[in-house]
C-alpha atoms as a PDB file:
ATOM      1  CA  UNK A   1     -82.901  16.793 -18.405  1.00  0.00           C
ATOM      2  CA  UNK A   2     -87.037  16.491 -18.023  1.00  0.00           C
ATOM      3  CA  UNK A   3     -86.127  12.828 -16.799  1.00  0.00           C
ATOM      4  CA  UNK A   4     -83.595  14.437 -13.610  1.00  0.00           C
ATOM      5  CA  UNK A   5     -86.684  16.628 -12.900  1.00  0.00           C
ATOM      6  CA  UNK A   6     -88.962  14.228 -12.620  1.00  0.00           C
ATOM      7  CA  UNK A   7     -86.698  11.543 -10.152  1.00  0.00           C
ATOM      8  CA  UNK A   8     -85.735  14.728  -8.347  1.00  0.00           C
ATOM      9  CA  UNK A   9     -89.347  14.585  -6.864  1.00  0.00           C
ATOM     10  CA  UNK A  10     -88.649  11.690  -4.961  1.00  0.00           C
ATOM     11  CA  UNK A  11     -86.570  13.775  -2.929  1.00  0.00           C
ATOM     12  CA  UNK A  12     -87.101  17.294  -3.054  1.00  0.00           C
ATOM     13  CA  UNK A  13     -90.968  18.630  -2.956  1.00  0.00           C
ATOM     14  CA  UNK A  14     -91.541  21.463  -5.743  1.00  0.00           C
ATOM     15  CA  UNK A  15     -90.772  25.041  -3.786  1.00  0.00           C
ATOM     16  CA  UNK A  16     -92.936  26.752  -6.039  1.00  0.00           C
ATOM     17  CA  UNK A  17     -95.214  26.024  -9.774  1.00  0.00           C
ATOM     18  CA  UNK A  18     -95.733  28.060 -12.735  1.00  0.00           C
ATOM     19  CA  UNK A  19     -99.133  28.520 -11.156  1.00  0.00           C
ATOM     20  CA  UNK A  20     -98.103  30.034  -7.902  1.00  0.00           C
ATOM     21  CA  UNK A  21     -95.431  32.410  -9.989  1.00  0.00           C
ATOM     22  CA  UNK A  22     -98.508  33.318 -12.249  1.00  0.00           C
ATOM     23  CA  UNK A  23    -100.978  34.041  -9.342  1.00  0.00           C
ATOM     24  CA  UNK A  24     -97.953  36.456  -7.454  1.00  0.00           C
ATOM     25  CA  UNK A  25     -97.136  38.417 -10.807  1.00  0.00           C
ATOM     26  CA  UNK A  26    -100.928  39.082 -11.310  1.00  0.00           C
ATOM     27  CA  UNK A  27    -101.293  39.650  -7.499  1.00  0.00           C
ATOM     28  CA  UNK A  28     -98.245  42.070  -7.763  1.00  0.00           C
ATOM     29  CA  UNK A  29     -99.284  44.019 -10.934  1.00  0.00           C
ATOM     30  CA  UNK A  30    -102.933  44.956  -9.537  1.00  0.00           C
ATOM     31  CA  UNK A  31    -101.519  45.793  -6.349  1.00  0.00           C
ATOM     32  CA  UNK A  32     -98.756  47.431  -7.908  1.00  0.00           C
ATOM     33  CA  UNK A  33     -96.275  46.103  -5.216  1.00  0.00           C
ATOM     34  CA  UNK A  34     -94.228  42.847  -4.523  1.00  0.00           C
ATOM     35  CA  UNK A  35     -97.233  39.807  -3.863  1.00  0.00           C
ATOM     36  CA  UNK A  36     -96.396  36.155  -3.114  1.00  0.00           C
ATOM     37  CA  UNK A  37     -98.846  33.420  -2.894  1.00  0.00           C
ATOM     38  CA  UNK A  38     -99.241  31.484   1.142  1.00  0.00           C
ATOM     39  CA  UNK A  39     -97.664  28.196   0.734  1.00  0.00           C
ATOM     40  CA  UNK A  40     -96.468  25.865   3.488  1.00  0.00           C
ATOM     41  CA  UNK A  41     -94.729  22.515   2.449  1.00  0.00           C
ATOM     42  CA  UNK A  42     -95.349  19.908   5.077  1.00  0.00           C
ATOM     43  CA  UNK A  43     -94.092  15.855   4.846  1.00  0.00           C
ATOM     44  CA  UNK A  44     -97.541  13.351   4.400  1.00  0.00           C
ATOM     45  CA  UNK A  45     -97.707  12.612   8.058  1.00  0.00           C
ATOM     46  CA  UNK A  46     -98.637  16.383   8.652  1.00  0.00           C
ATOM     47  CA  UNK A  47    -101.681  16.634   6.377  1.00  0.00           C
ATOM     48  CA  UNK A  48    -102.966  13.852   9.102  1.00  0.00           C
ATOM     49  CA  UNK A  49    -105.051  11.117   8.760  1.00  0.00           C
ATOM     50  CA  UNK A  50    -108.031  12.776   6.666  1.00  0.00           C
ATOM     51  CA  UNK A  51    -106.818  15.494   4.094  1.00  0.00           C
ATOM     52  CA  UNK A  52    -105.965  12.970   1.915  1.00  0.00           C
ATOM     53  CA  UNK A  53    -108.472  10.514   1.938  1.00  0.00           C
ATOM     54  CA  UNK A  54    -110.545  13.487   1.809  1.00  0.00           C
ATOM     55  CA  UNK A  55    -108.537  14.487  -1.704  1.00  0.00           C
ATOM     56  CA  UNK A  56    -108.586  10.969  -3.266  1.00  0.00           C
ATOM     57  CA  UNK A  57    -112.730  10.477  -2.436  1.00  0.00           C
ATOM     58  CA  UNK A  58    -113.062  13.576  -4.710  1.00  0.00           C
ATOM     59  CA  UNK A  59    -110.663  14.098  -6.829  1.00  0.00           C
ATOM     60  CA  UNK A  60    -109.457  10.972  -8.279  1.00  0.00           C
ATOM     61  CA  UNK A  61    -111.233   7.593  -6.429  1.00  0.00           C
ATOM     62  CA  UNK A  62    -109.422   5.710  -8.910  1.00  0.00           C
ATOM     63  CA  UNK A  63    -106.208   6.881  -8.091  1.00  0.00           C
ATOM     64  CA  UNK A  64    -104.252   3.490  -6.699  1.00  0.00           C
ATOM     65  CA  UNK A  65    -105.509   1.446  -9.296  1.00  0.00           C
ATOM     66  CA  UNK A  66    -104.511   3.794 -12.481  1.00  0.00           C
ATOM     67  CA  UNK A  67    -101.642   4.605 -14.172  1.00  0.00           C
ATOM     68  CA  UNK A  68    -102.358   8.195 -14.280  1.00  0.00           C
ATOM     69  CA  UNK A  69    -105.517   7.992 -16.386  1.00  0.00           C
ATOM     70  CA  UNK A  70    -109.002   7.237 -16.132  1.00  0.00           C
ATOM     71  CA  UNK A  71    -110.446   5.995 -19.248  1.00  0.00           C
ATOM     72  CA  UNK A  72    -113.465   5.447 -17.372  1.00  0.00           C
ATOM     73  CA  UNK A  73    -113.997   8.953 -16.118  1.00  0.00           C
ATOM     74  CA  UNK A  74    -112.776  10.235 -19.708  1.00  0.00           C
ATOM     75  CA  UNK A  75    -115.203   8.359 -21.840  1.00  0.00           C
ATOM     76  CA  UNK A  76    -118.290   9.898 -19.361  1.00  0.00           C
ATOM     77  CA  UNK A  77    -116.697  13.189 -19.975  1.00  0.00           C
ATOM     78  CA  UNK A  78    -117.172  13.222 -23.800  1.00  0.00           C
ATOM     79  CA  UNK A  79    -120.754  11.504 -23.127  1.00  0.00           C
ATOM     80  CA  UNK A  80    -121.693  13.979 -21.706  1.00  0.00           C
ATOM     81  CA  UNK A  81    -120.128  16.506 -23.556  1.00  0.00           C
ATOM     82  CA  UNK A  82    -121.673  14.845 -27.149  1.00  0.00           C
ATOM     83  CA  UNK A  83    -125.218  15.376 -24.563  1.00  0.00           C
ATOM     84  CA  UNK A  84    -124.292  18.675 -24.043  1.00  0.00           C
ATOM     85  CA  UNK A  85    -124.495  17.772 -20.643  1.00  0.00           C
ATOM     86  CA  UNK A  86    -122.226  20.692 -18.176  1.00  0.00           C
ATOM     87  CA  UNK A  87    -118.376  19.878 -18.707  1.00  0.00           C
ATOM     88  CA  UNK A  88    -116.813  17.305 -15.829  1.00  0.00           C
ATOM     89  CA  UNK A  89    -113.740  16.775 -15.346  1.00  0.00           C
ATOM     90  CA  UNK A  90    -111.999  13.812 -16.126  1.00  0.00           C
ATOM     91  CA  UNK A  91    -108.197  14.812 -15.027  1.00  0.00           C
ATOM     92  CA  UNK A  92    -106.918  12.501 -12.722  1.00  0.00           C
ATOM     93  CA  UNK A  93    -104.164  13.733  -9.525  1.00  0.00           C
ATOM     94  CA  UNK A  94    -101.424  12.446 -11.343  1.00  0.00           C
ATOM     95  CA  UNK A  95    -102.338  14.431 -14.655  1.00  0.00           C
ATOM     96  CA  UNK A  96    -102.971  17.594 -12.159  1.00  0.00           C
ATOM     97  CA  UNK A  97     -98.681  16.811 -10.948  1.00  0.00           C
ATOM     98  CA  UNK A  98     -97.778  16.752 -14.203  1.00  0.00           C
ATOM     99  CA  UNK A  99     -99.766  20.332 -15.018  1.00  0.00           C
ATOM    100  CA  UNK A 100     -98.602  22.307 -11.980  1.00  0.00           C
ATOM    101  CA  UNK A 101     -95.191  21.129 -11.961  1.00  0.00           C
ATOM    102  CA  UNK A 102     -93.740  21.082 -14.999  1.00  0.00           C
ATOM    103  CA  UNK A 103     -96.466  23.128 -17.378  1.00  0.00           C
ATOM    104  CA  UNK A 104     -98.022  26.679 -17.230  1.00  0.00           C
ATOM    105  CA  UNK A 105    -101.781  27.871 -16.949  1.00  0.00           C
ATOM    106  CA  UNK A 106    -102.919  29.490 -20.315  1.00  0.00           C
ATOM    107  CA  UNK A 107    -106.636  29.832 -20.623  1.00  0.00           C
ATOM    108  CA  UNK A 108    -106.089  30.587 -24.931  1.00  0.00           C
ATOM    109  CA  UNK A 109    -107.426  27.605 -26.949  1.00  0.00           C
ATOM    110  CA  UNK A 110    -104.160  27.036 -28.277  1.00  0.00           C
ATOM    111  CA  UNK A 111    -102.429  27.157 -25.285  1.00  0.00           C
ATOM    112  CA  UNK A 112    -104.630  24.669 -23.730  1.00  0.00           C
ATOM    113  CA  UNK A 113    -104.728  22.299 -26.517  1.00  0.00           C
ATOM    114  CA  UNK A 114    -100.330  22.231 -26.645  1.00  0.00           C
ATOM    115  CA  UNK A 115    -100.339  21.741 -22.513  1.00  0.00           C
ATOM    116  CA  UNK A 116    -102.767  18.887 -22.707  1.00  0.00           C
ATOM    117  CA  UNK A 117    -100.717  16.877 -25.228  1.00  0.00           C
ATOM    118  CA  UNK A 118     -97.562  17.980 -23.318  1.00  0.00           C
ATOM    119  CA  UNK A 119     -99.283  16.728 -19.805  1.00  0.00           C
ATOM    120  CA  UNK A 120    -100.121  13.142 -21.734  1.00  0.00           C
ATOM    121  CA  UNK A 121     -95.988  12.171 -21.477  1.00  0.00           C
ATOM    122  CA  UNK A 122     -95.334  13.810 -18.635  1.00  0.00           C
ATOM    123  CA  UNK A 123     -97.645  12.137 -16.429  1.00  0.00           C
ATOM    124  CA  UNK A 124     -96.689   8.739 -18.107  1.00  0.00           C
ATOM    125  CA  UNK A 125     -93.335   9.419 -16.838  1.00  0.00           C
ATOM    126  CA  UNK A 126     -94.728  10.873 -14.023  1.00  0.00           C
ATOM    127  CA  UNK A 127     -96.178   7.666 -13.056  1.00  0.00           C
ATOM    128  CA  UNK A 128     -93.606   5.536 -14.079  1.00  0.00           C
ATOM    129  CA  UNK A 129     -90.444   7.232 -11.909  1.00  0.00           C
ATOM    130  CA  UNK A 130     -92.313   8.512  -8.702  1.00  0.00           C
ATOM    131  CA  UNK A 131     -94.049   6.285  -6.213  1.00  0.00           C
ATOM    132  CA  UNK A 132     -98.420   7.055  -6.038  1.00  0.00           C
ATOM    133  CA  UNK A 133     -97.955   8.264  -2.493  1.00  0.00           C
ATOM    134  CA  UNK A 134     -95.341  10.672  -3.499  1.00  0.00           C
ATOM    135  CA  UNK A 135     -97.235  11.908  -5.855  1.00  0.00           C
ATOM    136  CA  UNK A 136    -100.219  12.419  -3.367  1.00  0.00           C
ATOM    137  CA  UNK A 137     -97.488  13.966  -0.760  1.00  0.00           C
ATOM    138  CA  UNK A 138     -96.783  16.706  -4.279  1.00  0.00           C
ATOM    139  CA  UNK A 139    -100.545  17.108  -4.990  1.00  0.00           C
ATOM    140  CA  UNK A 140    -101.235  17.882  -1.551  1.00  0.00           C
ATOM    141  CA  UNK A 141     -98.661  20.514  -0.758  1.00  0.00           C
ATOM    142  CA  UNK A 142     -98.826  22.388  -4.508  1.00  0.00           C
ATOM    143  CA  UNK A 143    -103.031  22.178  -5.193  1.00  0.00           C
ATOM    144  CA  UNK A 144    -104.685  26.070  -4.973  1.00  0.00           C
ATOM    145  CA  UNK A 145    -107.055  26.029  -1.975  1.00  0.00           C
ATOM    146  CA  UNK A 146    -107.719  29.696  -1.776  1.00  0.00           C
ATOM    147  CA  UNK A 147    -107.244  33.392  -3.124  1.00  0.00           C
ATOM    148  CA  UNK A 148    -103.202  33.027  -3.035  1.00  0.00           C
ATOM    149  CA  UNK A 149    -103.356  29.977  -1.085  1.00  0.00           C
ATOM    150  CA  UNK A 150    -101.419  26.677  -2.218  1.00  0.00           C
ATOM    151  CA  UNK A 151    -101.084  23.691  -0.743  1.00  0.00           C
ATOM    152  CA  UNK A 152    -103.243  22.194   1.980  1.00  0.00           C
ATOM    153  CA  UNK A 153    -101.128  23.094   4.904  1.00  0.00           C
ATOM    154  CA  UNK A 154    -101.840  27.114   4.537  1.00  0.00           C
ATOM    155  CA  UNK A 155    -104.980  26.414   3.284  1.00  0.00           C
ATOM    156  CA  UNK A 156    -106.307  24.849   6.491  1.00  0.00           C
ATOM    157  CA  UNK A 157    -104.168  27.418   8.324  1.00  0.00           C
ATOM    158  CA  UNK A 158    -106.096  30.219   5.687  1.00  0.00           C
ATOM    159  CA  UNK A 159    -109.818  28.625   6.407  1.00  0.00           C
ATOM    160  CA  UNK A 160    -110.076  27.703   9.762  1.00  0.00           C
ATOM    161  CA  UNK A 161    -106.853  28.800  11.227  1.00  0.00           C
ATOM    162  CA  UNK A 162    -105.349  25.267  12.356  1.00  0.00           C
ATOM    163  CA  UNK A 163    -102.736  23.358  10.623  1.00  0.00           C
ATOM    164  CA  UNK A 164    -104.014  20.696   8.510  1.00  0.00           C
ATOM    165  CA  UNK A 165    -103.440  17.246  10.769  1.00  0.00           C
ATOM    166  CA  UNK A 166    -105.869  18.851  13.367  1.00  0.00           C
ATOM    167  CA  UNK A 167    -108.516  19.103  10.958  1.00  0.00           C
ATOM    168  CA  UNK A 168    -111.604  16.911  11.681  1.00  0.00           C
ATOM    169  CA  UNK A 169    -113.242  14.917   8.676  1.00  0.00           C
ATOM    170  CA  UNK A 170    -115.928  17.293   7.947  1.00  0.00           C
ATOM    171  CA  UNK A 171    -113.022  20.215   8.224  1.00  0.00           C
ATOM    172  CA  UNK A 172    -110.774  18.441   5.437  1.00  0.00           C
ATOM    173  CA  UNK A 173    -114.041  17.868   3.243  1.00  0.00           C
ATOM    174  CA  UNK A 174    -114.772  20.728   3.046  1.00  0.00           C
ATOM    175  CA  UNK A 175    -111.808  22.223   2.404  1.00  0.00           C
ATOM    176  CA  UNK A 176    -110.747  19.952  -0.679  1.00  0.00           C
ATOM    177  CA  UNK A 177    -115.139  20.384  -1.987  1.00  0.00           C
ATOM    178  CA  UNK A 178    -113.381  24.180  -2.818  1.00  0.00           C
ATOM    179  CA  UNK A 179    -110.601  22.495  -5.191  1.00  0.00           C
ATOM    180  CA  UNK A 180    -112.751  23.140  -8.623  1.00  0.00           C
ATOM    181  CA  UNK A 181    -112.795  26.969  -8.126  1.00  0.00           C
ATOM    182  CA  UNK A 182    -110.600  27.727  -4.974  1.00  0.00           C
ATOM    183  CA  UNK A 183    -110.289  30.921  -6.017  1.00  0.00           C
ATOM    184  CA  UNK A 184    -114.300  31.812  -5.479  1.00  0.00           C
ATOM    185  CA  UNK A 185    -115.567  29.172  -3.402  1.00  0.00           C
ATOM    186  CA  UNK A 186    -115.324  29.318   0.385  1.00  0.00           C
ATOM    187  CA  UNK A 187    -115.169  25.706   2.680  1.00  0.00           C
ATOM    188  CA  UNK A 188    -117.887  27.079   4.509  1.00  0.00           C
ATOM    189  CA  UNK A 189    -119.948  28.593   2.271  1.00  0.00           C
ATOM    190  CA  UNK A 190    -123.855  25.873   1.251  1.00  0.00           C
ATOM    191  CA  UNK A 191    -122.101  24.559  -1.566  1.00  0.00           C
ATOM    192  CA  UNK A 192    -119.101  23.388  -0.046  1.00  0.00           C
ATOM    193  CA  UNK A 193    -120.750  21.225   2.343  1.00  0.00           C
ATOM    194  CA  UNK A 194    -123.057  19.878   0.165  1.00  0.00           C
ATOM    195  CA  UNK A 195    -120.073  19.018  -1.832  1.00  0.00           C
ATOM    196  CA  UNK A 196    -117.868  17.777   1.418  1.00  0.00           C
ATOM    197  CA  UNK A 197    -120.998  15.214   2.190  1.00  0.00           C
ATOM    198  CA  UNK A 198    -120.589  13.694  -1.123  1.00  0.00           C
ATOM    199  CA  UNK A 199    -117.271  13.704  -0.489  1.00  0.00           C
ATOM    200  CA  UNK A 200    -117.988  11.517   2.932  1.00  0.00           C
ATOM    201  CA  UNK A 201    -119.996   9.475   1.567  1.00  0.00           C
ATOM    202  CA  UNK A 202    -117.651   8.027  -0.963  1.00  0.00           C
ATOM    203  CA  UNK A 203    -115.702   5.758   0.998  1.00  0.00           C
ATOM    204  CA  UNK A 204    -112.131   4.882  -0.711  1.00  0.00           C
ATOM    205  CA  UNK A 205    -110.142   1.950   0.794  1.00  0.00           C
ATOM    206  CA  UNK A 206    -106.369   2.821   0.692  1.00  0.00           C
ATOM    207  CA  UNK A 207    -104.083  -0.036   0.169  1.00  0.00           C
ATOM    208  CA  UNK A 208    -103.305  -2.420   3.124  1.00  0.00           C
ATOM    209  CA  UNK A 209    -107.235  -1.302   4.232  1.00  0.00           C
ATOM    210  CA  UNK A 210    -110.332  -3.565   4.060  1.00  0.00           C
ATOM    211  CA  UNK A 211    -111.755  -3.607   0.455  1.00  0.00           C
ATOM    212  CA  UNK A 212    -108.760  -2.076  -1.200  1.00  0.00           C
ATOM    213  CA  UNK A 213    -107.607  -4.986  -3.056  1.00  0.00           C
ATOM    214  CA  UNK A 214    -111.679  -5.967  -4.528  1.00  0.00           C
ATOM    215  CA  UNK A 215    -111.597  -2.494  -5.648  1.00  0.00           C
ATOM    216  CA  UNK A 216    -108.283  -3.183  -7.825  1.00  0.00           C
ATOM    217  CA  UNK A 217    -109.891  -6.321  -9.194  1.00  0.00           C
ATOM    218  CA  UNK A 218    -113.271  -4.163 -10.431  1.00  0.00           C
ATOM    219  CA  UNK A 219    -110.488  -0.597 -11.880  1.00  0.00           C
ATOM    220  CA  UNK A 220    -110.046  -2.741 -16.167  1.00  0.00           C
ATOM    221  CA  UNK A 221    -111.815   0.152 -17.275  1.00  0.00           C
ATOM    222  CA  UNK A 222    -110.601   2.833 -15.076  1.00  0.00           C
ATOM    223  CA  UNK A 223    -106.639   1.596 -15.545  1.00  0.00           C
ATOM    224  CA  UNK A 224    -107.049   0.479 -18.652  1.00  0.00           C
ATOM    225  CA  UNK A 225    -109.026   1.684 -22.461  1.00  0.00           C
ATOM    226  CA  UNK A 226    -109.524  -1.531 -23.495  1.00  0.00           C
ATOM    227  CA  UNK A 227    -110.794  -1.998 -19.905  1.00  0.00           C
ATOM    228  CA  UNK A 228    -113.769  -0.392 -21.725  1.00  0.00           C
ATOM    229  CA  UNK A 229    -114.617  -3.183 -23.259  1.00  0.00           C
ATOM    230  CA  UNK A 230    -114.734  -5.408 -20.976  1.00  0.00           C
ATOM    231  CA  UNK A 231    -118.446  -4.770 -19.871  1.00  0.00           C
ATOM    232  CA  UNK A 232    -120.176  -4.826 -23.371  1.00  0.00           C
ATOM    233  CA  UNK A 233    -119.439  -1.459 -24.475  1.00  0.00           C
END
Protein backbone atom coordinates (compact mmCIF):
# COMPACT_ATOMS: atom_id res chain seq x y z
CA UNK A 1 0.00 0.00 0.00
CA UNK A 2 2.68 2.50 1.01
CA UNK A 3 4.73 1.59 -2.06
CA UNK A 4 1.77 2.29 -4.35
CA UNK A 5 1.09 5.53 -2.50
CA UNK A 6 4.69 6.60 -3.02
CA UNK A 7 4.65 5.63 -6.70
CA UNK A 8 1.46 7.65 -7.16
CA UNK A 9 3.41 10.79 -6.25
CA UNK A 10 5.06 10.57 -9.67
CA UNK A 11 1.65 11.17 -11.26
CA UNK A 12 -0.35 13.17 -8.73
CA UNK A 13 0.63 15.97 -6.39
CA UNK A 14 -0.89 15.52 -2.91
CA UNK A 15 -4.12 17.58 -2.69
CA UNK A 16 -3.78 17.75 1.12
CA UNK A 17 -1.63 16.55 4.00
CA UNK A 18 -2.21 15.58 7.61
CA UNK A 19 -0.78 18.94 8.65
CA UNK A 20 -3.34 20.80 6.52
CA UNK A 21 -6.15 18.75 8.04
CA UNK A 22 -4.81 19.34 11.54
CA UNK A 23 -4.54 23.11 11.06
CA UNK A 24 -8.07 23.21 9.63
CA UNK A 25 -9.49 21.27 12.56
CA UNK A 26 -7.74 23.55 15.06
CA UNK A 27 -9.08 26.67 13.33
CA UNK A 28 -12.59 25.24 12.97
CA UNK A 29 -12.81 24.38 16.67
CA UNK A 30 -11.45 27.79 17.65
CA UNK A 31 -13.83 29.66 15.34
CA UNK A 32 -16.83 27.45 15.98
CA UNK A 33 -17.30 27.16 12.23
CA UNK A 34 -15.64 25.24 9.40
CA UNK A 35 -12.30 26.65 8.28
CA UNK A 36 -9.95 25.36 5.59
CA UNK A 37 -6.39 26.26 4.69
CA UNK A 38 -5.36 28.32 1.68
CA UNK A 39 -3.63 25.95 -0.71
CA UNK A 40 -3.14 25.95 -4.46
CA UNK A 41 -1.29 23.17 -6.28
CA UNK A 42 0.85 24.24 -9.23
CA UNK A 43 3.44 22.59 -11.47
CA UNK A 44 7.14 23.28 -11.07
CA UNK A 45 7.39 25.84 -13.94
CA UNK A 46 4.69 27.93 -12.25
CA UNK A 47 6.94 28.58 -9.25
CA UNK A 48 9.21 30.65 -11.46
CA UNK A 49 13.01 30.64 -11.28
CA UNK A 50 13.52 31.93 -7.75
CA UNK A 51 11.33 29.93 -5.36
CA UNK A 52 12.91 26.49 -6.06
CA UNK A 53 16.40 27.97 -5.85
CA UNK A 54 15.74 29.86 -2.62
CA UNK A 55 14.19 26.76 -1.03
CA UNK A 56 17.24 24.61 -1.77
CA UNK A 57 19.69 27.35 -0.76
CA UNK A 58 17.91 27.79 2.57
CA UNK A 59 16.62 24.36 3.53
CA UNK A 60 18.90 21.78 1.95
CA UNK A 61 21.92 22.97 -0.05
CA UNK A 62 23.07 19.38 -0.71
CA UNK A 63 19.61 18.22 -1.79
CA UNK A 64 20.66 17.09 -5.26
CA UNK A 65 23.69 15.21 -3.95
CA UNK A 66 22.56 13.22 -0.91
CA UNK A 67 20.22 10.22 -0.77
CA UNK A 68 17.63 11.60 1.60
CA UNK A 69 19.83 12.37 4.62
CA UNK A 70 22.54 14.98 5.11
CA UNK A 71 24.88 13.20 7.52
CA UNK A 72 27.18 16.18 7.86
CA UNK A 73 24.23 18.33 9.01
CA UNK A 74 23.22 15.61 11.48
CA UNK A 75 26.75 15.51 12.89
CA UNK A 76 26.79 19.30 13.34
CA UNK A 77 23.36 19.27 14.99
CA UNK A 78 24.50 16.60 17.47
CA UNK A 79 27.70 18.50 18.20
CA UNK A 80 25.75 21.70 18.86
CA UNK A 81 23.39 19.83 21.17
CA UNK A 82 26.31 18.40 23.14
CA UNK A 83 27.77 21.90 23.49
CA UNK A 84 24.44 23.29 24.70
CA UNK A 85 24.02 25.48 21.63
CA UNK A 86 20.59 26.27 20.14
CA UNK A 87 19.07 23.38 18.22
CA UNK A 88 19.63 23.46 14.49
CA UNK A 89 17.52 21.55 12.02
CA UNK A 90 19.12 18.68 10.13
CA UNK A 91 16.05 17.44 8.23
CA UNK A 92 16.42 17.42 4.47
CA UNK A 93 13.75 18.40 1.98
CA UNK A 94 13.15 14.70 1.34
CA UNK A 95 12.62 14.02 5.05
CA UNK A 96 10.21 16.94 5.30
CA UNK A 97 8.20 15.64 2.34
CA UNK A 98 8.09 12.13 3.83
CA UNK A 99 6.91 13.53 7.18
CA UNK A 100 4.28 15.85 5.73
CA UNK A 101 2.88 13.49 3.10
CA UNK A 102 2.77 10.26 5.10
CA UNK A 103 2.83 11.18 8.79
CA UNK A 104 1.23 13.37 11.44
CA UNK A 105 2.33 16.45 13.40
CA UNK A 106 2.43 15.34 17.03
CA UNK A 107 4.27 17.44 19.61
CA UNK A 108 4.64 14.94 22.48
CA UNK A 109 7.95 13.22 23.10
CA UNK A 110 6.61 9.75 22.30
CA UNK A 111 4.78 11.03 19.23
CA UNK A 112 7.89 12.75 17.89
CA UNK A 113 10.06 9.70 18.52
CA UNK A 114 7.62 7.38 16.74
CA UNK A 115 7.23 9.80 13.85
CA UNK A 116 11.00 10.11 13.42
CA UNK A 117 11.39 6.32 13.47
CA UNK A 118 8.83 5.99 10.68
CA UNK A 119 10.21 8.98 8.78
CA UNK A 120 13.56 7.27 8.14
CA UNK A 121 12.36 4.28 6.06
CA UNK A 122 9.73 6.45 4.35
CA UNK A 123 12.45 8.86 3.25
CA UNK A 124 14.47 5.99 1.79
CA UNK A 125 11.38 4.76 -0.06
CA UNK A 126 10.63 8.26 -1.36
CA UNK A 127 14.18 8.76 -2.62
CA UNK A 128 14.14 5.34 -4.27
CA UNK A 129 10.85 5.73 -6.14
CA UNK A 130 10.51 9.46 -6.81
CA UNK A 131 12.98 11.67 -8.74
CA UNK A 132 14.64 14.58 -6.98
CA UNK A 133 12.92 17.25 -9.06
CA UNK A 134 9.53 15.72 -8.25
CA UNK A 135 10.34 15.60 -4.53
CA UNK A 136 11.21 19.30 -4.69
CA UNK A 137 8.00 20.06 -6.59
CA UNK A 138 5.95 18.26 -3.91
CA UNK A 139 7.78 20.14 -1.16
CA UNK A 140 7.07 23.51 -2.75
CA UNK A 141 3.38 22.63 -2.89
CA UNK A 142 2.91 21.42 0.68
CA UNK A 143 5.30 23.47 2.84
CA UNK A 144 3.55 25.68 5.40
CA UNK A 145 4.17 29.32 4.38
CA UNK A 146 1.90 31.25 6.72
CA UNK A 147 -1.00 30.96 9.19
CA UNK A 148 -3.41 28.54 7.50
CA UNK A 149 -1.41 28.87 4.27
CA UNK A 150 0.32 25.98 2.49
CA UNK A 151 2.50 25.87 -0.59
CA UNK A 152 4.54 28.67 -2.12
CA UNK A 153 1.88 29.64 -4.64
CA UNK A 154 -0.66 30.31 -1.89
CA UNK A 155 2.13 31.87 0.19
CA UNK A 156 3.06 34.28 -2.58
CA UNK A 157 -0.58 35.27 -3.03
CA UNK A 158 -1.09 35.68 0.73
CA UNK A 159 2.04 37.69 1.52
CA UNK A 160 2.78 39.54 -1.72
CA UNK A 161 -0.52 39.57 -3.60
CA UNK A 162 0.89 37.93 -6.71
CA UNK A 163 1.69 34.48 -8.07
CA UNK A 164 4.93 32.70 -7.23
CA UNK A 165 6.36 33.05 -10.72
CA UNK A 166 6.09 36.83 -10.44
CA UNK A 167 8.23 37.08 -7.30
CA UNK A 168 11.65 38.67 -7.47
CA UNK A 169 14.70 36.83 -6.12
CA UNK A 170 14.54 38.93 -2.95
CA UNK A 171 10.82 38.29 -2.42
CA UNK A 172 11.28 34.55 -2.97
CA UNK A 173 14.11 34.46 -0.42
CA UNK A 174 11.99 36.38 2.09
CA UNK A 175 9.11 33.95 1.65
CA UNK A 176 11.40 30.96 2.14
CA UNK A 177 12.96 32.68 5.17
CA UNK A 178 9.77 32.25 7.25
CA UNK A 179 9.88 28.44 7.05
CA UNK A 180 11.30 27.79 10.51
CA UNK A 181 8.21 29.45 12.00
CA UNK A 182 5.73 30.39 9.25
CA UNK A 183 2.81 30.82 11.64
CA UNK A 184 4.60 33.67 13.41
CA UNK A 185 7.23 35.21 11.11
CA UNK A 186 6.33 37.37 8.12
CA UNK A 187 8.37 37.80 4.93
CA UNK A 188 8.27 41.57 5.36
CA UNK A 189 9.75 41.43 8.87
CA UNK A 190 13.32 42.39 9.74
CA UNK A 191 14.31 38.87 10.79
CA UNK A 192 13.10 37.40 7.50
CA UNK A 193 15.04 40.12 5.71
CA UNK A 194 18.27 39.11 7.47
CA UNK A 195 17.71 35.42 6.72
CA UNK A 196 16.85 36.26 3.10
CA UNK A 197 20.20 38.02 2.68
CA UNK A 198 22.02 34.90 3.86
CA UNK A 199 19.91 32.71 1.57
CA UNK A 200 20.73 34.84 -1.47
CA UNK A 201 24.46 34.68 -0.67
CA UNK A 202 24.38 30.87 -0.43
CA UNK A 203 24.61 30.24 -4.15
CA UNK A 204 23.85 26.59 -4.96
CA UNK A 205 24.22 25.30 -8.54
CA UNK A 206 21.35 23.24 -9.90
CA UNK A 207 21.84 20.20 -12.20
CA UNK A 208 23.43 21.23 -15.48
CA UNK A 209 24.74 24.52 -14.14
CA UNK A 210 28.43 25.43 -13.75
CA UNK A 211 29.77 24.18 -10.45
CA UNK A 212 27.25 21.37 -10.01
CA UNK A 213 29.67 18.55 -10.79
CA UNK A 214 32.35 20.09 -8.60
CA UNK A 215 29.87 20.24 -5.73
CA UNK A 216 28.94 16.62 -6.36
CA UNK A 217 32.60 15.64 -6.02
CA UNK A 218 32.61 17.18 -2.53
CA UNK A 219 29.34 15.60 -1.39
CA UNK A 220 30.73 12.47 0.30
CA UNK A 221 30.38 13.60 3.91
CA UNK A 222 26.81 14.74 3.23
CA UNK A 223 25.61 11.75 1.23
CA UNK A 224 27.13 8.87 3.19
CA UNK A 225 27.79 8.37 6.93
CA UNK A 226 31.24 6.93 6.23
CA UNK A 227 32.01 10.09 4.25
CA UNK A 228 32.41 11.88 7.57
CA UNK A 229 35.59 9.90 8.13
CA UNK A 230 37.16 11.07 4.88
CA UNK A 231 38.46 14.31 6.43
CA UNK A 232 39.99 12.62 9.45
CA UNK A 233 37.05 12.85 11.85
